[in-house]
Amino acid sequence: MAGFLQIGVLIAMAAVAVILVLGIVTMARGKDARKSNKLMQLRVLVQGIALLLLVILSFMALGK
């Protein structure tokens, strides 16, 4: 289970980085503010999921 969570955390962190870059690039181009805003909202959601997975993983490590 811990291995699955570790992989999940890595995937979530990579997704946050990709979404952040896409949002910044879209914002810098200045063409579609709505798309940039949606990307940043998605980043916050994925970042929250990554933090939740990290907390679960931490509690599992403390329980050993």
N, C-alpha and C. Protein backbone atom coordinates (compact mmCIF):
# COMPACT_ATOMS: atom_id res chain seq x y z
N MET A 1 0.82 -1.20 0.00
CA MET A 1 0.00 0.00 0.00
C MET A 1 0.87 1.26 0.00
N ALA A 2 1.96 1.22 0.77
CA ALA A 2 2.83 2.39 0.84
C ALA A 2 3.47 2.67 -0.52
N GLY A 3 3.84 1.62 -1.24
CA GLY A 3 4.42 1.80 -2.56
C GLY A 3 3.44 2.45 -3.52
N PHE A 4 2.19 2.05 -3.43
CA PHE A 4 1.14 2.65 -4.26
C PHE A 4 0.98 4.13 -3.94
N LEU A 5 1.00 4.47 -2.65
CA LEU A 5 0.88 5.87 -2.26
C LEU A 5 2.08 6.69 -2.70
N GLN A 6 3.27 6.10 -2.62
CA GLN A 6 4.47 6.82 -3.06
C GLN A 6 4.39 7.14 -4.55
N ILE A 7 3.95 6.18 -5.33
CA ILE A 7 3.79 6.41 -6.77
C ILE A 7 2.71 7.46 -7.02
N GLY A 8 1.62 7.37 -6.25
CA GLY A 8 0.54 8.35 -6.38
C GLY A 8 1.00 9.76 -6.07
N VAL A 9 1.83 9.91 -5.03
CA VAL A 9 2.36 11.22 -4.67
C VAL A 9 3.25 11.76 -5.78
N LEU A 10 4.10 10.91 -6.33
CA LEU A 10 4.99 11.36 -7.42
C LEU A 10 4.19 11.77 -8.66
N ILE A 11 3.18 11.00 -8.99
CA ILE A 11 2.34 11.35 -10.14
C ILE A 11 1.60 12.66 -9.89
N ALA A 12 1.05 12.82 -8.69
CA ALA A 12 0.33 14.04 -8.36
C ALA A 12 1.26 15.26 -8.39
N MET A 13 2.49 15.10 -7.89
CA MET A 13 3.44 16.21 -7.91
C MET A 13 3.83 16.57 -9.33
N ALA A 14 4.01 15.57 -10.18
CA ALA A 14 4.34 15.84 -11.58
C ALA A 14 3.17 16.53 -12.27
N ALA A 15 1.95 16.10 -11.95
CA ALA A 15 0.76 16.72 -12.55
C ALA A 15 0.65 18.18 -12.12
N VAL A 16 0.95 18.47 -10.86
CA VAL A 16 0.92 19.85 -10.38
C VAL A 16 1.91 20.70 -11.16
N ALA A 17 3.11 20.18 -11.36
CA ALA A 17 4.14 20.94 -12.09
C ALA A 17 3.71 21.21 -13.54
N VAL A 18 3.16 20.19 -14.19
CA VAL A 18 2.73 20.35 -15.59
C VAL A 18 1.60 21.36 -15.69
N ILE A 19 0.61 21.24 -14.80
CA ILE A 19 -0.53 22.16 -14.83
C ILE A 19 -0.08 23.58 -14.52
N LEU A 20 0.87 23.72 -13.58
CA LEU A 20 1.39 25.05 -13.25
C LEU A 20 2.05 25.69 -14.46
N VAL A 21 2.89 24.94 -15.15
CA VAL A 21 3.58 25.48 -16.33
C VAL A 21 2.57 25.85 -17.42
N LEU A 22 1.60 24.97 -17.65
CA LEU A 22 0.57 25.27 -18.66
C LEU A 22 -0.21 26.54 -18.30
N GLY A 23 -0.55 26.68 -17.02
CA GLY A 23 -1.28 27.86 -16.58
C GLY A 23 -0.47 29.13 -16.73
N ILE A 24 0.81 29.06 -16.40
CA ILE A 24 1.66 30.25 -16.52
C ILE A 24 1.86 30.63 -17.98
N VAL A 25 2.06 29.63 -18.84
CA VAL A 25 2.24 29.91 -20.27
C VAL A 25 0.97 30.52 -20.85
N THR A 26 -0.18 29.98 -20.48
CA THR A 26 -1.45 30.51 -20.97
C THR A 26 -1.66 31.94 -20.47
N MET A 27 -1.29 32.18 -19.21
CA MET A 27 -1.44 33.52 -18.64
C MET A 27 -0.49 34.50 -19.32
N ALA A 28 0.72 34.06 -19.61
CA ALA A 28 1.71 34.94 -20.23
C ALA A 28 1.30 35.34 -21.65
N ARG A 29 0.66 34.41 -22.34
CA ARG A 29 0.21 34.73 -23.70
C ARG A 29 -0.93 35.74 -23.68
N GLY A 30 -1.73 35.72 -22.60
CA GLY A 30 -2.78 36.71 -22.42
C GLY A 30 -3.97 36.55 -23.33
N LYS A 31 -4.09 35.43 -24.00
CA LYS A 31 -5.19 35.27 -24.95
C LYS A 31 -6.49 34.84 -24.27
N ASP A 32 -6.42 33.83 -23.41
CA ASP A 32 -7.63 33.27 -22.83
C ASP A 32 -7.51 33.25 -21.31
N ALA A 33 -8.01 34.29 -20.66
CA ALA A 33 -7.91 34.40 -19.21
C ALA A 33 -8.74 33.32 -18.52
N ARG A 34 -9.85 32.95 -19.11
CA ARG A 34 -10.72 31.93 -18.51
C ARG A 34 -10.00 30.57 -18.44
N LYS A 35 -9.30 30.21 -19.52
CA LYS A 35 -8.57 28.94 -19.54
C LYS A 35 -7.45 28.95 -18.51
N SER A 36 -6.74 30.05 -18.41
CA SER A 36 -5.67 30.17 -17.44
C SER A 36 -6.22 30.04 -16.02
N ASN A 37 -7.35 30.66 -15.75
CA ASN A 37 -7.97 30.58 -14.44
C ASN A 37 -8.39 29.15 -14.12
N LYS A 38 -8.97 28.46 -15.09
CA LYS A 38 -9.38 27.07 -14.88
C LYS A 38 -8.17 26.17 -14.61
N LEU A 39 -7.07 26.42 -15.31
CA LEU A 39 -5.86 25.63 -15.08
C LEU A 39 -5.33 25.86 -13.67
N MET A 40 -5.38 27.09 -13.20
CA MET A 40 -4.89 27.38 -11.85
C MET A 40 -5.82 26.76 -10.80
N GLN A 41 -7.12 26.75 -11.06
CA GLN A 41 -8.04 26.08 -10.14
C GLN A 41 -7.78 24.58 -10.11
N LEU A 42 -7.52 24.00 -11.27
CA LEU A 42 -7.20 22.58 -11.35
C LEU A 42 -5.89 22.29 -10.61
N ARG A 43 -4.92 23.20 -10.71
CA ARG A 43 -3.66 23.03 -10.01
C ARG A 43 -3.88 22.97 -8.51
N VAL A 44 -4.73 23.85 -7.99
CA VAL A 44 -5.00 23.87 -6.56
C VAL A 44 -5.65 22.55 -6.13
N LEU A 45 -6.57 22.03 -6.94
CA LEU A 45 -7.23 20.77 -6.63
C LEU A 45 -6.22 19.62 -6.61
N VAL A 46 -5.40 19.52 -7.64
CA VAL A 46 -4.41 18.44 -7.71
C VAL A 46 -3.37 18.58 -6.60
N GLN A 47 -3.02 19.81 -6.27
CA GLN A 47 -2.07 20.04 -5.18
C GLN A 47 -2.66 19.57 -3.85
N GLY A 48 -3.94 19.81 -3.65
CA GLY A 48 -4.61 19.33 -2.44
C GLY A 48 -4.61 17.81 -2.36
N ILE A 49 -4.84 17.16 -3.50
CA ILE A 49 -4.81 15.70 -3.55
C ILE A 49 -3.41 15.20 -3.22
N ALA A 50 -2.39 15.85 -3.75
CA ALA A 50 -1.01 15.45 -3.46
C ALA A 50 -0.71 15.59 -1.97
N LEU A 51 -1.16 16.68 -1.37
CA LEU A 51 -0.94 16.87 0.07
C LEU A 51 -1.67 15.83 0.89
N LEU A 52 -2.89 15.49 0.50
CA LEU A 52 -3.65 14.46 1.20
C LEU A 52 -2.92 13.12 1.14
N LEU A 53 -2.41 12.78 -0.04
CA LEU A 53 -1.66 11.53 -0.17
C LEU A 53 -0.40 11.54 0.69
N LEU A 54 0.27 12.69 0.76
CA LEU A 54 1.46 12.81 1.61
C LEU A 54 1.12 12.64 3.09
N VAL A 55 0.01 13.20 3.51
CA VAL A 55 -0.41 13.06 4.91
C VAL A 55 -0.72 11.61 5.22
N ILE A 56 -1.45 10.94 4.33
CA ILE A 56 -1.77 9.53 4.54
C ILE A 56 -0.49 8.70 4.61
N LEU A 57 0.43 8.97 3.70
CA LEU A 57 1.71 8.25 3.69
C LEU A 57 2.49 8.50 4.97
N SER A 58 2.46 9.72 5.47
CA SER A 58 3.16 10.07 6.71
C SER A 58 2.56 9.31 7.90
N PHE A 59 1.23 9.25 7.96
CA PHE A 59 0.59 8.53 9.06
C PHE A 59 0.91 7.04 8.98
N MET A 60 1.00 6.51 7.78
CA MET A 60 1.35 5.10 7.63
C MET A 60 2.78 4.85 8.10
N ALA A 61 3.67 5.79 7.83
CA ALA A 61 5.06 5.64 8.24
C ALA A 61 5.19 5.74 9.76
N LEU A 62 4.38 6.58 10.38
CA LEU A 62 4.42 6.72 11.84
C LEU A 62 3.85 5.48 12.52
N GLY A 63 2.94 4.81 11.86
CA GLY A 63 2.31 3.64 12.45
C GLY A 63 3.19 2.40 12.48
N LYS A 64 4.26 2.41 11.73
CA LYS A 64 5.14 1.22 11.67
C LYS A 64 5.98 1.08 12.90
